[in-house]
Amino acid sequence: MPENPADPYEHTPTTMVFDIFTETSNDLIGLLAHRSRTAAAPADREAWWQRVLAVRDDRRSVNPHDRQALLEHISAWRSETETLRAVR
């Protein structure tokens, strides 16, 4: 168990945390894009697509050296991904 529960990657270099951040966002974006492509209603397709763009914009706005921001996004995006997968 990590000594600091806020940083489950406390012994991981920030560059690797950034890689985890990127992969986590890619997982979420892929899931959201799939939901957009397969939505029956045009309004739903657009809503899912707007979320794709929002995640992409969030990813671009985070300073890759701001470890705390990276960790917060990883946590939030994993939670969102898990929620979406649970609600098929």
Protein backbone atom coordinates (compact mmCIF):
# COMPACT_ATOMS: atom_id res chain seq x y z
CA MET A 1 0.00 0.00 0.00
CA PRO A 2 1.42 3.40 -0.92
CA GLU A 3 2.44 5.66 1.92
CA ASN A 4 0.56 8.55 0.30
CA PRO A 5 -2.85 7.33 -0.90
CA ALA A 6 -3.24 10.50 -3.00
CA ASP A 7 -0.31 9.31 -5.13
CA PRO A 8 -0.60 5.62 -5.92
CA TYR A 9 2.45 6.05 -8.18
CA GLU A 10 4.71 7.62 -5.56
CA HIS A 11 7.72 5.59 -6.71
CA THR A 12 6.99 6.13 -10.38
CA PRO A 13 8.74 8.94 -12.28
CA THR A 14 6.48 11.76 -13.42
CA THR A 15 7.28 10.96 -17.04
CA MET A 16 5.73 7.52 -16.55
CA VAL A 17 2.75 9.05 -14.73
CA PHE A 18 2.29 11.24 -17.81
CA ASP A 19 2.23 8.08 -19.96
CA ILE A 20 -0.44 6.60 -17.67
CA PHE A 21 -2.36 9.89 -17.92
CA THR A 22 -2.22 9.72 -21.73
CA GLU A 23 -3.29 6.07 -21.89
CA THR A 24 -6.13 6.68 -19.43
CA SER A 25 -7.43 9.54 -21.55
CA ASN A 26 -7.11 7.40 -24.69
CA ASP A 27 -9.17 4.64 -23.06
CA LEU A 28 -11.91 7.10 -22.17
CA ILE A 29 -11.84 8.84 -25.55
CA GLY A 30 -12.11 5.48 -27.33
CA LEU A 31 -15.11 4.51 -25.25
CA LEU A 32 -16.79 7.88 -25.76
CA ALA A 33 -16.12 7.82 -29.51
CA HIS A 34 -17.66 4.36 -29.72
CA ARG A 35 -20.73 5.60 -27.87
CA SER A 36 -20.93 8.52 -30.29
CA ARG A 37 -20.67 6.28 -33.38
CA THR A 38 -23.27 3.83 -32.13
CA ALA A 39 -25.80 6.23 -30.63
CA ALA A 40 -29.23 5.98 -32.22
CA ALA A 41 -30.25 9.61 -31.85
CA PRO A 42 -28.32 12.47 -33.45
CA ALA A 43 -28.49 14.47 -30.22
CA ASP A 44 -26.90 11.58 -28.31
CA ARG A 45 -24.19 11.21 -30.96
CA GLU A 46 -23.38 14.89 -30.62
CA ALA A 47 -23.39 14.79 -26.81
CA TRP A 48 -20.95 11.87 -26.74
CA TRP A 49 -18.76 13.57 -29.33
CA GLN A 50 -18.68 16.78 -27.31
CA ARG A 51 -17.45 14.78 -24.34
CA VAL A 52 -14.67 13.32 -26.56
CA LEU A 53 -13.61 16.86 -27.43
CA ALA A 54 -13.76 17.95 -23.79
CA VAL A 55 -11.47 15.11 -22.67
CA ARG A 56 -9.09 15.88 -25.52
CA ASP A 57 -9.04 19.55 -24.54
CA ASP A 58 -8.49 18.69 -20.87
CA ARG A 59 -5.60 16.42 -21.84
CA ARG A 60 -4.00 19.21 -23.86
CA SER A 61 -4.40 21.77 -21.08
CA VAL A 62 -2.62 19.83 -18.33
CA ASN A 63 1.02 20.70 -17.70
CA PRO A 64 2.93 17.41 -18.14
CA HIS A 65 5.13 18.34 -15.16
CA ASP A 66 2.20 18.97 -12.79
CA ARG A 67 2.10 15.59 -11.11
CA GLN A 68 -0.91 16.39 -8.92
CA ALA A 69 -2.98 17.47 -11.93
CA LEU A 70 -1.96 14.32 -13.79
CA LEU A 71 -3.03 12.17 -10.84
CA GLU A 72 -6.35 13.97 -10.47
CA HIS A 73 -7.16 13.47 -14.16
CA ILE A 74 -6.12 9.81 -14.08
CA SER A 75 -8.44 9.22 -11.15
CA ALA A 76 -11.37 11.10 -12.67
CA TRP A 77 -11.00 9.50 -16.11
CA ARG A 78 -10.68 5.99 -14.69
CA SER A 79 -13.80 6.56 -12.63
CA GLU A 80 -15.71 7.83 -15.65
CA THR A 81 -14.53 4.91 -17.78
CA GLU A 82 -15.57 2.39 -15.13
CA THR A 83 -18.98 4.05 -14.79
CA LEU A 84 -19.57 4.04 -18.53
CA ARG A 85 -18.54 0.41 -18.85
CA ALA A 86 -20.92 -0.53 -16.04
CA VAL A 87 -23.83 1.23 -17.76
CA ARG A 88 -23.87 -0.32 -21.19
